[in-house]
Amino acid sequence: MQGKKIILLLTLLITVFGLSGCGEDEPVKVEVPRLVRAIQVGGPQQLKSRNYPGRAKAVHEVNLAFDVRGTLNERPVDVGDNIIPGQLIASLDSRDFRSDVEEAKANVQHAYADFNRAK
């Protein structure tokens, strides 16, 4: 009988301590947001007149190169312009071509002179 009393007492103590842990939850701490000092610089009307740095890039871009050397004489189109077939987009200074032709003629004459002398 004594053993039953001890078991009953232990069961009662365990139940009391177990139920005492089932109370109300602790209150949830709500963090108060920190205040930030803000200043309005301008209204939306001022955004229209402002300039921002940046670059616009074409969707289709072609890098051009000439088959011959020379100084660029004229470029009547700008970056971003629409080009139609046959339109002049750039021209080179013709002085370089003329000097090359004159040099070639002089070389031919020199070669004929050498040939005739050797003959």
PDB file of N, CA and C in Angstrom:
ATOM      1  N   MET A   1       0.814  -1.162   0.000  1.00  0.00           N
ATOM      2  CA  MET A   1       0.000   0.000   0.000  1.00  0.00           C
ATOM      3  C   MET A   1       0.874   1.248   0.000  1.00  0.00           C
ATOM      4  N   GLN A   2       1.949   1.158   0.691  1.00  0.00           N
ATOM      5  CA  GLN A   2       2.862   2.269   0.766  1.00  0.00           C
ATOM      6  C   GLN A   2       3.410   2.568  -0.626  1.00  0.00           C
ATOM      7  N   GLY A   3       3.687   1.570  -1.461  1.00  0.00           N
ATOM      8  CA  GLY A   3       4.224   1.753  -2.804  1.00  0.00           C
ATOM      9  C   GLY A   3       3.205   2.415  -3.711  1.00  0.00           C
ATOM     10  N   LYS A   4       1.900   2.068  -3.472  1.00  0.00           N
ATOM     11  CA  LYS A   4       0.852   2.674  -4.294  1.00  0.00           C
ATOM     12  C   LYS A   4       0.711   4.150  -3.974  1.00  0.00           C
ATOM     13  N   LYS A   5       0.904   4.511  -2.709  1.00  0.00           N
ATOM     14  CA  LYS A   5       0.800   5.913  -2.315  1.00  0.00           C
ATOM     15  C   LYS A   5       1.938   6.724  -2.936  1.00  0.00           C
ATOM     16  N   ILE A   6       3.108   6.126  -2.956  1.00  0.00           N
ATOM     17  CA  ILE A   6       4.259   6.831  -3.528  1.00  0.00           C
ATOM     18  C   ILE A   6       4.052   7.030  -5.026  1.00  0.00           C
ATOM     19  N   ILE A   7       3.562   5.996  -5.700  1.00  0.00           N
ATOM     20  CA  ILE A   7       3.324   6.104  -7.137  1.00  0.00           C
ATOM     21  C   ILE A   7       2.234   7.133  -7.414  1.00  0.00           C
ATOM     22  N   LEU A   8       1.171   7.133  -6.589  1.00  0.00           N
ATOM     23  CA  LEU A   8       0.092   8.101  -6.745  1.00  0.00           C
ATOM     24  C   LEU A   8       0.598   9.516  -6.490  1.00  0.00           C
ATOM     25  N   LEU A   9       1.444   9.672  -5.480  1.00  0.00           N
ATOM     26  CA  LEU A   9       1.998  10.979  -5.165  1.00  0.00           C
ATOM     27  C   LEU A   9       2.918  11.476  -6.296  1.00  0.00           C
ATOM     28  N   LEU A  10       3.749  10.588  -6.810  1.00  0.00           N
ATOM     29  CA  LEU A  10       4.626  10.965  -7.920  1.00  0.00           C
ATOM     30  C   LEU A  10       3.814  11.330  -9.165  1.00  0.00           C
ATOM     31  N   THR A  11       2.782  10.569  -9.459  1.00  0.00           N
ATOM     32  CA  THR A  11       1.929  10.854 -10.613  1.00  0.00           C
ATOM     33  C   THR A  11       1.245  12.200 -10.440  1.00  0.00           C
ATOM     34  N   LEU A  12       0.779  12.483  -9.222  1.00  0.00           N
ATOM     35  CA  LEU A  12       0.128  13.755  -8.946  1.00  0.00           C
ATOM     36  C   LEU A  12       1.117  14.918  -9.098  1.00  0.00           C
ATOM     37  N   LEU A  13       2.350  14.768  -8.584  1.00  0.00           N
ATOM     38  CA  LEU A  13       3.356  15.810  -8.702  1.00  0.00           C
ATOM     39  C   LEU A  13       3.738  16.060 -10.175  1.00  0.00           C
ATOM     40  N   ILE A  14       3.907  14.976 -10.918  1.00  0.00           N
ATOM     41  CA  ILE A  14       4.267  15.119 -12.338  1.00  0.00           C
ATOM     42  C   ILE A  14       3.150  15.823 -13.092  1.00  0.00           C
ATOM     43  N   THR A  15       1.915  15.485 -12.789  1.00  0.00           N
ATOM     44  CA  THR A  15       0.783  16.128 -13.450  1.00  0.00           C
ATOM     45  C   THR A  15       0.703  17.607 -13.103  1.00  0.00           C
ATOM     46  N   VAL A  16       0.911  17.939 -11.828  1.00  0.00           N
ATOM     47  CA  VAL A  16       0.836  19.335 -11.402  1.00  0.00           C
ATOM     48  C   VAL A  16       1.945  20.147 -12.063  1.00  0.00           C
ATOM     49  N   PHE A  17       3.176  19.614 -12.034  1.00  0.00           N
ATOM     50  CA  PHE A  17       4.281  20.352 -12.659  1.00  0.00           C
ATOM     51  C   PHE A  17       4.122  20.409 -14.180  1.00  0.00           C
ATOM     52  N   GLY A  18       3.607  19.354 -14.779  1.00  0.00           N
ATOM     53  CA  GLY A  18       3.394  19.342 -16.232  1.00  0.00           C
ATOM     54  C   GLY A  18       2.346  20.351 -16.651  1.00  0.00           C
ATOM     55  N   LEU A  19       1.262  20.466 -15.871  1.00  0.00           N
ATOM     56  CA  LEU A  19       0.203  21.412 -16.223  1.00  0.00           C
ATOM     57  C   LEU A  19       0.585  22.848 -15.891  1.00  0.00           C
ATOM     58  N   SER A  20       1.497  23.020 -14.941  1.00  0.00           N
ATOM     59  CA  SER A  20       1.888  24.377 -14.599  1.00  0.00           C
ATOM     60  C   SER A  20       2.699  25.008 -15.737  1.00  0.00           C
ATOM     61  N   GLY A  21       3.347  24.192 -16.587  1.00  0.00           N
ATOM     62  CA  GLY A  21       4.078  24.712 -17.737  1.00  0.00           C
ATOM     63  C   GLY A  21       3.147  25.152 -18.851  1.00  0.00           C
ATOM     64  N   CYS A  22       1.895  24.761 -18.820  1.00  0.00           N
ATOM     65  CA  CYS A  22       0.940  25.129 -19.862  1.00  0.00           C
ATOM     66  C   CYS A  22       0.197  26.381 -19.456  1.00  0.00           C
ATOM     67  N   GLY A  23       0.840  27.475 -19.528  1.00  0.00           N
ATOM     68  CA  GLY A  23       0.204  28.740 -19.196  1.00  0.00           C
ATOM     69  C   GLY A  23       0.063  29.583 -20.450  1.00  0.00           C
ATOM     70  N   GLU A  24      -0.168  30.838 -20.271  1.00  0.00           N
ATOM     71  CA  GLU A  24      -0.260  31.752 -21.404  1.00  0.00           C
ATOM     72  C   GLU A  24       1.128  31.986 -21.998  1.00  0.00           C
ATOM     73  N   ASP A  25       1.156  32.177 -23.320  1.00  0.00           N
ATOM     74  CA  ASP A  25       2.424  32.454 -23.975  1.00  0.00           C
ATOM     75  C   ASP A  25       2.919  33.830 -23.559  1.00  0.00           C
ATOM     76  N   GLU A  26       4.245  33.987 -23.638  1.00  0.00           N
ATOM     77  CA  GLU A  26       4.808  35.284 -23.330  1.00  0.00           C
ATOM     78  C   GLU A  26       4.354  36.284 -24.388  1.00  0.00           C
ATOM     79  N   PRO A  27       4.179  37.518 -24.023  1.00  0.00           N
ATOM     80  CA  PRO A  27       3.752  38.505 -25.015  1.00  0.00           C
ATOM     81  C   PRO A  27       4.842  38.693 -26.084  1.00  0.00           C
ATOM     82  N   VAL A  28       4.406  38.829 -27.334  1.00  0.00           N
ATOM     83  CA  VAL A  28       5.328  38.997 -28.450  1.00  0.00           C
ATOM     84  C   VAL A  28       5.850  40.426 -28.439  1.00  0.00           C
ATOM     85  N   LYS A  29       7.171  40.537 -28.543  1.00  0.00           N
ATOM     86  CA  LYS A  29       7.765  41.863 -28.552  1.00  0.00           C
ATOM     87  C   LYS A  29       7.665  42.433 -29.967  1.00  0.00           C
ATOM     88  N   VAL A  30       7.087  43.590 -30.091  1.00  0.00           N
ATOM     89  CA  VAL A  30       6.957  44.266 -31.376  1.00  0.00           C
ATOM     90  C   VAL A  30       8.035  45.349 -31.441  1.00  0.00           C
ATOM     91  N   GLU A  31       8.877  45.240 -32.483  1.00  0.00           N
ATOM     92  CA  GLU A  31       9.922  46.234 -32.625  1.00  0.00           C
ATOM     93  C   GLU A  31       9.345  47.499 -33.244  1.00  0.00           C
ATOM     94  N   VAL A  32       9.637  48.604 -32.620  1.00  0.00           N
ATOM     95  CA  VAL A  32       9.185  49.887 -33.124  1.00  0.00           C
ATOM     96  C   VAL A  32      10.163  50.313 -34.226  1.00  0.00           C
ATOM     97  N   PRO A  33       9.665  50.622 -35.426  1.00  0.00           N
ATOM     98  CA  PRO A  33      10.583  51.010 -36.498  1.00  0.00           C
ATOM     99  C   PRO A  33      11.312  52.307 -36.146  1.00  0.00           C
ATOM    100  N   ARG A  34      12.568  52.371 -36.566  1.00  0.00           N
ATOM    101  CA  ARG A  34      13.355  53.568 -36.310  1.00  0.00           C
ATOM    102  C   ARG A  34      12.931  54.662 -37.271  1.00  0.00           C
ATOM    103  N   LEU A  35      12.848  55.845 -36.786  1.00  0.00           N
ATOM    104  CA  LEU A  35      12.466  56.974 -37.616  1.00  0.00           C
ATOM    105  C   LEU A  35      13.670  57.456 -38.421  1.00  0.00           C
ATOM    106  N   VAL A  36      13.415  57.839 -39.662  1.00  0.00           N
ATOM    107  CA  VAL A  36      14.462  58.320 -40.553  1.00  0.00           C
ATOM    108  C   VAL A  36      14.088  59.714 -41.011  1.00  0.00           C
ATOM    109  N   ARG A  37      15.044  60.604 -40.980  1.00  0.00           N
ATOM    110  CA  ARG A  37      14.793  61.966 -41.428  1.00  0.00           C
ATOM    111  C   ARG A  37      14.864  61.987 -42.955  1.00  0.00           C
ATOM    112  N   ALA A  38      13.854  62.478 -43.626  1.00  0.00           N
ATOM    113  CA  ALA A  38      13.807  62.543 -45.088  1.00  0.00           C
ATOM    114  C   ALA A  38      13.436  63.954 -45.514  1.00  0.00           C
ATOM    115  N   ILE A  39      14.011  64.350 -46.653  1.00  0.00           N
ATOM    116  CA  ILE A  39      13.735  65.668 -47.210  1.00  0.00           C
ATOM    117  C   ILE A  39      13.333  65.479 -48.662  1.00  0.00           C
ATOM    118  N   GLN A  40      12.251  66.083 -49.093  1.00  0.00           N
ATOM    119  CA  GLN A  40      11.835  66.015 -50.486  1.00  0.00           C
ATOM    120  C   GLN A  40      12.600  67.076 -51.272  1.00  0.00           C
ATOM    121  N   VAL A  41      13.358  66.611 -52.269  1.00  0.00           N
ATOM    122  CA  VAL A  41      14.215  67.515 -53.026  1.00  0.00           C
ATOM    123  C   VAL A  41      13.413  68.299 -54.043  1.00  0.00           C
ATOM    124  N   GLY A  42      12.531  67.665 -54.735  1.00  0.00           N
ATOM    125  CA  GLY A  42      11.755  68.348 -55.758  1.00  0.00           C
ATOM    126  C   GLY A  42      10.538  67.538 -56.129  1.00  0.00           C
ATOM    127  N   GLY A  43       9.635  68.166 -56.824  1.00  0.00           N
ATOM    128  CA  GLY A  43       8.429  67.490 -57.255  1.00  0.00           C
ATOM    129  C   GLY A  43       8.601  66.805 -58.602  1.00  0.00           C
ATOM    130  N   PRO A  44       7.599  66.064 -59.048  1.00  0.00           N
ATOM    131  CA  PRO A  44       7.689  65.363 -60.331  1.00  0.00           C
ATOM    132  C   PRO A  44       7.796  66.310 -61.524  1.00  0.00           C
ATOM    133  N   GLN A  45       7.384  67.555 -61.379  1.00  0.00           N
ATOM    134  CA  GLN A  45       7.490  68.507 -62.486  1.00  0.00           C
ATOM    135  C   GLN A  45       8.952  68.781 -62.815  1.00  0.00           C
ATOM    136  N   GLN A  46       9.816  68.734 -61.821  1.00  0.00           N
ATOM    137  CA  GLN A  46      11.229  69.025 -62.032  1.00  0.00           C
ATOM    138  C   GLN A  46      11.968  67.881 -62.711  1.00  0.00           C
ATOM    139  N   LEU A  47      11.409  66.678 -62.691  1.00  0.00           N
ATOM    140  CA  LEU A  47      12.074  65.537 -63.317  1.00  0.00           C
ATOM    141  C   LEU A  47      12.144  65.686 -64.830  1.00  0.00           C
ATOM    142  N   LYS A  48      11.184  66.381 -65.433  1.00  0.00           N
ATOM    143  CA  LYS A  48      11.173  66.541 -66.886  1.00  0.00           C
ATOM    144  C   LYS A  48      12.337  67.385 -67.370  1.00  0.00           C
ATOM    145  N   SER A  49      12.780  68.320 -66.572  1.00  0.00           N
ATOM    146  CA  SER A  49      13.826  69.236 -67.007  1.00  0.00           C
ATOM    147  C   SER A  49      15.227  68.793 -66.575  1.00  0.00           C
ATOM    148  N   ARG A  50      15.343  67.659 -65.942  1.00  0.00           N
ATOM    149  CA  ARG A  50      16.652  67.207 -65.470  1.00  0.00           C
ATOM    150  C   ARG A  50      17.345  66.357 -66.525  1.00  0.00           C
ATOM    151  N   ASN A  51      18.650  66.392 -66.514  1.00  0.00           N
ATOM    152  CA  ASN A  51      19.468  65.581 -67.417  1.00  0.00           C
ATOM    153  C   ASN A  51      20.204  64.543 -66.598  1.00  0.00           C
ATOM    154  N   TYR A  52      20.207  63.315 -67.094  1.00  0.00           N
ATOM    155  CA  TYR A  52      20.902  62.240 -66.420  1.00  0.00           C
ATOM    156  C   TYR A  52      21.934  61.658 -67.374  1.00  0.00           C
ATOM    157  N   PRO A  53      23.122  61.347 -66.890  1.00  0.00           N
ATOM    158  CA  PRO A  53      24.141  60.780 -67.785  1.00  0.00           C
ATOM    159  C   PRO A  53      23.752  59.370 -68.204  1.00  0.00           C
ATOM    160  N   GLY A  54      24.057  59.044 -69.441  1.00  0.00           N
ATOM    161  CA  GLY A  54      23.754  57.707 -69.933  1.00  0.00           C
ATOM    162  C   GLY A  54      24.079  57.594 -71.398  1.00  0.00           C
ATOM    163  N   ARG A  55      23.925  56.402 -71.935  1.00  0.00           N
ATOM    164  CA  ARG A  55      24.199  56.139 -73.345  1.00  0.00           C
ATOM    165  C   ARG A  55      23.052  55.351 -73.935  1.00  0.00           C
ATOM    166  N   ALA A  56      22.669  55.751 -75.122  1.00  0.00           N
ATOM    167  CA  ALA A  56      21.682  54.987 -75.871  1.00  0.00           C
ATOM    168  C   ALA A  56      22.439  54.156 -76.893  1.00  0.00           C
ATOM    169  N   LYS A  57      22.084  52.897 -77.021  1.00  0.00           N
ATOM    170  CA  LYS A  57      22.788  52.020 -77.940  1.00  0.00           C
ATOM    171  C   LYS A  57      21.793  51.456 -78.938  1.00  0.00           C
ATOM    172  N   ALA A  58      22.211  51.430 -80.209  1.00  0.00           N
ATOM    173  CA  ALA A  58      21.344  50.928 -81.270  1.00  0.00           C
ATOM    174  C   ALA A  58      21.165  49.414 -81.144  1.00  0.00           C
ATOM    175  N   VAL A  59      20.038  48.939 -81.627  1.00  0.00           N
ATOM    176  CA  VAL A  59      19.783  47.503 -81.619  1.00  0.00           C
ATOM    177  C   VAL A  59      20.664  46.819 -82.656  1.00  0.00           C
ATOM    178  N   HIS A  60      20.754  47.412 -83.841  1.00  0.00           N
ATOM    179  CA  HIS A  60      21.597  46.885 -84.910  1.00  0.00           C
ATOM    180  C   HIS A  60      22.680  47.916 -85.201  1.00  0.00           C
ATOM    181  N   GLU A  61      23.922  47.502 -85.065  1.00  0.00           N
ATOM    182  CA  GLU A  61      25.029  48.419 -85.291  1.00  0.00           C
ATOM    183  C   GLU A  61      26.045  47.743 -86.200  1.00  0.00           C
ATOM    184  N   VAL A  62      26.575  48.499 -87.153  1.00  0.00           N
ATOM    185  CA  VAL A  62      27.532  47.964 -88.110  1.00  0.00           C
ATOM    186  C   VAL A  62      28.828  48.752 -87.996  1.00  0.00           C
ATOM    187  N   ASN A  63      29.920  48.055 -87.833  1.00  0.00           N
ATOM    188  CA  ASN A  63      31.234  48.707 -87.835  1.00  0.00           C
ATOM    189  C   ASN A  63      31.716  48.769 -89.279  1.00  0.00           C
ATOM    190  N   LEU A  64      32.104  49.956 -89.716  1.00  0.00           N
ATOM    191  CA  LEU A  64      32.527  50.158 -91.097  1.00  0.00           C
ATOM    192  C   LEU A  64      34.031  50.246 -91.188  1.00  0.00           C
ATOM    193  N   ALA A  65      34.545  49.759 -92.316  1.00  0.00           N
ATOM    194  CA  ALA A  65      35.970  49.880 -92.596  1.00  0.00           C
ATOM    195  C   ALA A  65      36.125  49.976 -94.108  1.00  0.00           C
ATOM    196  N   PHE A  66      37.107  50.762 -94.541  1.00  0.00           N
ATOM    197  CA  PHE A  66      37.382  50.898 -95.965  1.00  0.00           C
ATOM    198  C   PHE A  66      38.439  49.876 -96.366  1.00  0.00           C
ATOM    199  N   ASP A  67      38.397  49.468 -97.626  1.00  0.00           N
ATOM    200  CA  ASP A  67      39.397  48.532 -98.136  1.00  0.00           C
ATOM    201  C   ASP A  67      40.738  49.209 -98.390  1.00  0.00           C
ATOM    202  N   VAL A  68      40.738  50.521 -98.425  1.00  0.00           N
ATOM    203  CA  VAL A  68      41.958  51.276 -98.699  1.00  0.00           C
ATOM    204  C   VAL A  68      42.204  52.259 -97.564  1.00  0.00           C
ATOM    205  N   ARG A  69      43.462  52.721 -97.489  1.00  0.00           N
ATOM    206  CA  ARG A  69      43.790  53.691 -96.451  1.00  0.00           C
ATOM    207  C   ARG A  69      43.436  55.094 -96.947  1.00  0.00           C
ATOM    208  N   GLY A  70      43.312  56.011 -96.054  1.00  0.00           N
ATOM    209  CA  GLY A  70      43.037  57.381 -96.437  1.00  0.00           C
ATOM    210  C   GLY A  70      42.451  58.172 -95.288  1.00  0.00           C
ATOM    211  N   THR A  71      42.356  59.467 -95.535  1.00  0.00           N
ATOM    212  CA  THR A  71      41.792  60.372 -94.533  1.00  0.00           C
ATOM    213  C   THR A  71      40.303  60.541 -94.791  1.00  0.00           C
ATOM    214  N   LEU A  72      39.521  60.450 -93.735  1.00  0.00           N
ATOM    215  CA  LEU A  72      38.076  60.621 -93.858  1.00  0.00           C
ATOM    216  C   LEU A  72      37.784  62.065 -94.221  1.00  0.00           C
ATOM    217  N   ASN A  73      37.117  62.242 -95.347  1.00  0.00           N
ATOM    218  CA  ASN A  73      36.842  63.568 -95.879  1.00  0.00           C
ATOM    219  C   ASN A  73      35.458  64.062 -95.463  1.00  0.00           C
ATOM    220  N   GLU A  74      34.490  63.158 -95.491  1.00  0.00           N
ATOM    221  CA  GLU A  74      33.104  63.566 -95.253  1.00  0.00           C
ATOM    222  C   GLU A  74      32.353  62.394 -94.633  1.00  0.00           C
ATOM    223  N   ARG A  75      31.462  62.714 -93.684  1.00  0.00           N
ATOM    224  CA  ARG A  75      30.569  61.710 -93.096  1.00  0.00           C
ATOM    225  C   ARG A  75      29.216  62.388 -92.883  1.00  0.00           C
ATOM    226  N   PRO A  76      28.331  62.313 -93.879  1.00  0.00           N
ATOM    227  CA  PRO A  76      27.073  63.055 -93.797  1.00  0.00           C
ATOM    228  C   PRO A  76      26.019  62.418 -92.891  1.00  0.00           C
ATOM    229  N   VAL A  77      26.287  61.253 -92.336  1.00  0.00           N
ATOM    230  CA  VAL A  77      25.307  60.615 -91.453  1.00  0.00           C
ATOM    231  C   VAL A  77      25.862  60.596 -90.034  1.00  0.00           C
ATOM    232  N   ASP A  78      24.950  60.529 -89.087  1.00  0.00           N
ATOM    233  CA  ASP A  78      25.335  60.457 -87.682  1.00  0.00           C
ATOM    234  C   ASP A  78      24.965  59.093 -87.128  1.00  0.00           C
ATOM    235  N   VAL A  79      25.494  58.799 -85.975  1.00  0.00           N
ATOM    236  CA  VAL A  79      25.178  57.544 -85.305  1.00  0.00           C
ATOM    237  C   VAL A  79      23.688  57.518 -85.004  1.00  0.00           C
ATOM    238  N   GLY A  80      23.047  56.434 -85.374  1.00  0.00           N
ATOM    239  CA  GLY A  80      21.612  56.279 -85.113  1.00  0.00           C
ATOM    240  C   GLY A  80      20.726  56.643 -86.286  1.00  0.00           C
ATOM    241  N   ASP A  81      21.291  57.250 -87.357  1.00  0.00           N
ATOM    242  CA  ASP A  81      20.486  57.594 -88.533  1.00  0.00           C
ATOM    243  C   ASP A  81      20.123  56.333 -89.305  1.00  0.00           C
ATOM    244  N   ASN A  82      18.953  56.362 -89.937  1.00  0.00           N
ATOM    245  CA  ASN A  82      18.563  55.266 -90.828  1.00  0.00           C
ATOM    246  C   ASN A  82      19.251  55.477 -92.169  1.00  0.00           C
ATOM    247  N   ILE A  83      19.742  54.399 -92.737  1.00  0.00           N
ATOM    248  CA  ILE A  83      20.480  54.451 -93.995  1.00  0.00           C
ATOM    249  C   ILE A  83      19.700  53.671 -95.042  1.00  0.00           C
ATOM    250  N   ILE A  84      19.595  54.267 -96.239  1.00  0.00           N
ATOM    251  CA  ILE A  84      18.947  53.564 -97.346  1.00  0.00           C
ATOM    252  C   ILE A  84      20.034  53.047 -98.287  1.00  0.00           C
ATOM    253  N   PRO A  85      19.778  51.983 -99.034  1.00  0.00           N
ATOM    254  CA  PRO A  85      20.790  51.450 -99.941  1.00  0.00           C
ATOM    255  C   PRO A  85      21.226  52.497-100.970  1.00  0.00           C
ATOM    256  N   GLY A  86      22.535  52.594-101.172  1.00  0.00           N
ATOM    257  CA  GLY A  86      23.085  53.544-102.121  1.00  0.00           C
ATOM    258  C   GLY A  86      23.396  54.908-101.538  1.00  0.00           C
ATOM    259  N   GLN A  87      23.023  55.159-100.307  1.00  0.00           N
ATOM    260  CA  GLN A  87      23.271  56.470 -99.686  1.00  0.00           C
ATOM    261  C   GLN A  87      24.740  56.584 -99.300  1.00  0.00           C
ATOM    262  N   LEU A  88      25.309  57.767 -99.501  1.00  0.00           N
ATOM    263  CA  LEU A  88      26.688  58.035 -99.120  1.00  0.00           C
ATOM    264  C   LEU A  88      26.772  58.093 -97.599  1.00  0.00           C
ATOM    265  N   ILE A  89      27.651  57.276 -97.030  1.00  0.00           N
ATOM    266  CA  ILE A  89      27.806  57.303 -95.578  1.00  0.00           C
ATOM    267  C   ILE A  89      29.155  57.893 -95.174  1.00  0.00           C
ATOM    268  N   ALA A  90      30.146  57.829 -96.080  1.00  0.00           N
ATOM    269  CA  ALA A  90      31.447  58.420 -95.793  1.00  0.00           C
ATOM    270  C   ALA A  90      32.252  58.475 -97.083  1.00  0.00           C
ATOM    271  N   SER A  91      33.175  59.401 -97.144  1.00  0.00           N
ATOM    272  CA  SER A  91      34.065  59.483 -98.307  1.00  0.00           C
ATOM    273  C   SER A  91      35.480  59.761 -97.821  1.00  0.00           C
ATOM    274  N   LEU A  92      36.438  59.263 -98.604  1.00  0.00           N
ATOM    275  CA  LEU A  92      37.845  59.454 -98.276  1.00  0.00           C
ATOM    276  C   LEU A  92      38.444  60.535 -99.163  1.00  0.00           C
ATOM    277  N   ASP A  93      39.496  61.165 -98.691  1.00  0.00           N
ATOM    278  CA  ASP A  93      40.223  62.175 -99.457  1.00  0.00           C
ATOM    279  C   ASP A  93      40.907  61.481-100.631  1.00  0.00           C
ATOM    280  N   SER A  94      40.697  61.984-101.858  1.00  0.00           N
ATOM    281  CA  SER A  94      41.210  61.322-103.064  1.00  0.00           C
ATOM    282  C   SER A  94      42.688  61.606-103.316  1.00  0.00           C
ATOM    283  N   ARG A  95      43.308  62.499-102.581  1.00  0.00           N
ATOM    284  CA  ARG A  95      44.729  62.800-102.794  1.00  0.00           C
ATOM    285  C   ARG A  95      45.607  61.572-102.581  1.00  0.00           C
ATOM    286  N   ASP A  96      45.255  60.745-101.619  1.00  0.00           N
ATOM    287  CA  ASP A  96      46.040  59.530-101.369  1.00  0.00           C
ATOM    288  C   ASP A  96      45.969  58.585-102.571  1.00  0.00           C
ATOM    289  N   PHE A  97      44.776  58.464-103.163  1.00  0.00           N
ATOM    290  CA  PHE A  97      44.623  57.582-104.327  1.00  0.00           C
ATOM    291  C   PHE A  97      45.415  58.124-105.512  1.00  0.00           C
ATOM    292  N   ARG A  98      45.320  59.422-105.729  1.00  0.00           N
ATOM    293  CA  ARG A  98      46.045  60.027-106.864  1.00  0.00           C
ATOM    294  C   ARG A  98      47.555  59.868-106.708  1.00  0.00           C
ATOM    295  N   SER A  99      48.052  60.046-105.494  1.00  0.00           N
ATOM    296  CA  SER A  99      49.495  59.877-105.292  1.00  0.00           C
ATOM    297  C   SER A  99      49.909  58.425-105.495  1.00  0.00           C
ATOM    298  N   ASP A 100      49.048  57.473-105.094  1.00  0.00           N
ATOM    299  CA  ASP A 100      49.351  56.058-105.334  1.00  0.00           C
ATOM    300  C   ASP A 100      49.384  55.751-106.826  1.00  0.00           C
ATOM    301  N   VAL A 101      48.441  56.329-107.593  1.00  0.00           N
ATOM    302  CA  VAL A 101      48.409  56.108-109.043  1.00  0.00           C
ATOM    303  C   VAL A 101      49.650  56.700-109.699  1.00  0.00           C
ATOM    304  N   GLU A 102      50.017  57.913-109.297  1.00  0.00           N
ATOM    305  CA  GLU A 102      51.216  58.546-109.856  1.00  0.00           C
ATOM    306  C   GLU A 102      52.466  57.726-109.536  1.00  0.00           C
ATOM    307  N   GLU A 103      52.537  57.190-108.347  1.00  0.00           N
ATOM    308  CA  GLU A 103      53.675  56.349-107.967  1.00  0.00           C
ATOM    309  C   GLU A 103      53.716  55.083-108.815  1.00  0.00           C
ATOM    310  N   ALA A 104      52.555  54.480-109.040  1.00  0.00           N
ATOM    311  CA  ALA A 104      52.507  53.267-109.865  1.00  0.00           C
ATOM    312  C   ALA A 104      52.929  53.575-111.298  1.00  0.00           C
ATOM    313  N   LYS A 105      52.473  54.709-111.837  1.00  0.00           N
ATOM    314  CA  LYS A 105      52.883  55.089-113.202  1.00  0.00           C
ATOM    315  C   LYS A 105      54.394  55.298-113.272  1.00  0.00           C
ATOM    316  N   ALA A 106      54.952  55.955-112.264  1.00  0.00           N
ATOM    317  CA  ALA A 106      56.398  56.193-112.237  1.00  0.00           C
ATOM    318  C   ALA A 106      57.153  54.869-112.163  1.00  0.00           C
ATOM    319  N   ASN A 107      56.653  53.926-111.408  1.00  0.00           N
ATOM    320  CA  ASN A 107      57.303  52.615-111.320  1.00  0.00           C
ATOM    321  C   ASN A 107      57.263  51.884-112.661  1.00  0.00           C
ATOM    322  N   VAL A 108      56.135  51.998-113.369  1.00  0.00           N
ATOM    323  CA  VAL A 108      56.024  51.358-114.692  1.00  0.00           C
ATOM    324  C   VAL A 108      57.014  51.994-115.660  1.00  0.00           C
ATOM    325  N   GLN A 109      57.080  53.317-115.674  1.00  0.00           N
ATOM    326  CA  GLN A 109      58.028  54.003-116.567  1.00  0.00           C
ATOM    327  C   GLN A 109      59.474  53.628-116.223  1.00  0.00           C
ATOM    328  N   HIS A 110      59.764  53.527-114.938  1.00  0.00           N
ATOM    329  CA  HIS A 110      61.107  53.138-114.509  1.00  0.00           C
ATOM    330  C   HIS A 110      61.416  51.708-114.960  1.00  0.00           C
ATOM    331  N   ALA A 111      60.440  50.828-114.840  1.00  0.00           N
ATOM    332  CA  ALA A 111      60.635  49.439-115.271  1.00  0.00           C
ATOM    333  C   ALA A 111      60.860  49.371-116.778  1.00  0.00           C
ATOM    334  N   TYR A 112      60.096  50.144-117.591  1.00  0.00           N
ATOM    335  CA  TYR A 112      60.309  50.173-119.045  1.00  0.00           C
ATOM    336  C   TYR A 112      61.698  50.717-119.387  1.00  0.00           C
ATOM    337  N   ALA A 113      62.113  51.738-118.657  1.00  0.00           N
ATOM    338  CA  ALA A 113      63.432  52.316-118.912  1.00  0.00           C
ATOM    339  C   ALA A 113      64.533  51.304-118.601  1.00  0.00           C
ATOM    340  N   ASP A 114      64.375  50.585-117.484  1.00  0.00           N
ATOM    341  CA  ASP A 114      65.356  49.548-117.137  1.00  0.00           C
ATOM    342  C   ASP A 114      65.362  48.429-118.189  1.00  0.00           C
ATOM    343  N   PHE A 115      64.166  48.075-118.639  1.00  0.00           N
ATOM    344  CA  PHE A 115      64.043  47.007-119.644  1.00  0.00           C
ATOM    345  C   PHE A 115      64.716  47.425-120.954  1.00  0.00           C
ATOM    346  N   ASN A 116      64.416  48.646-121.393  1.00  0.00           N
ATOM    347  CA  ASN A 116      65.012  49.134-122.665  1.00  0.00           C
ATOM    348  C   ASN A 116      66.523  49.272-122.555  1.00  0.00           C
ATOM    349  N   ARG A 117      67.026  49.687-121.422  1.00  0.00           N
ATOM    350  CA  ARG A 117      68.470  49.826-121.224  1.00  0.00           C
ATOM    351  C   ARG A 117      69.132  48.460-121.272  1.00  0.00           C
ATOM    352  N   ALA A 118      68.495  47.479-120.656  1.00  0.00           N
ATOM    353  CA  ALA A 118      69.083  46.129-120.623  1.00  0.00           C
ATOM    354  C   ALA A 118      68.983  45.460-121.979  1.00  0.00           C
ATOM    355  N   LYS A 119      68.016  45.832-122.765  1.00  0.00           N
ATOM    356  CA  LYS A 119      67.796  45.245-124.092  1.00  0.00           C
ATOM    357  C   LYS A 119      68.880  45.718-125.026  1.00  0.00           C
TER     358      LYS A 119
END
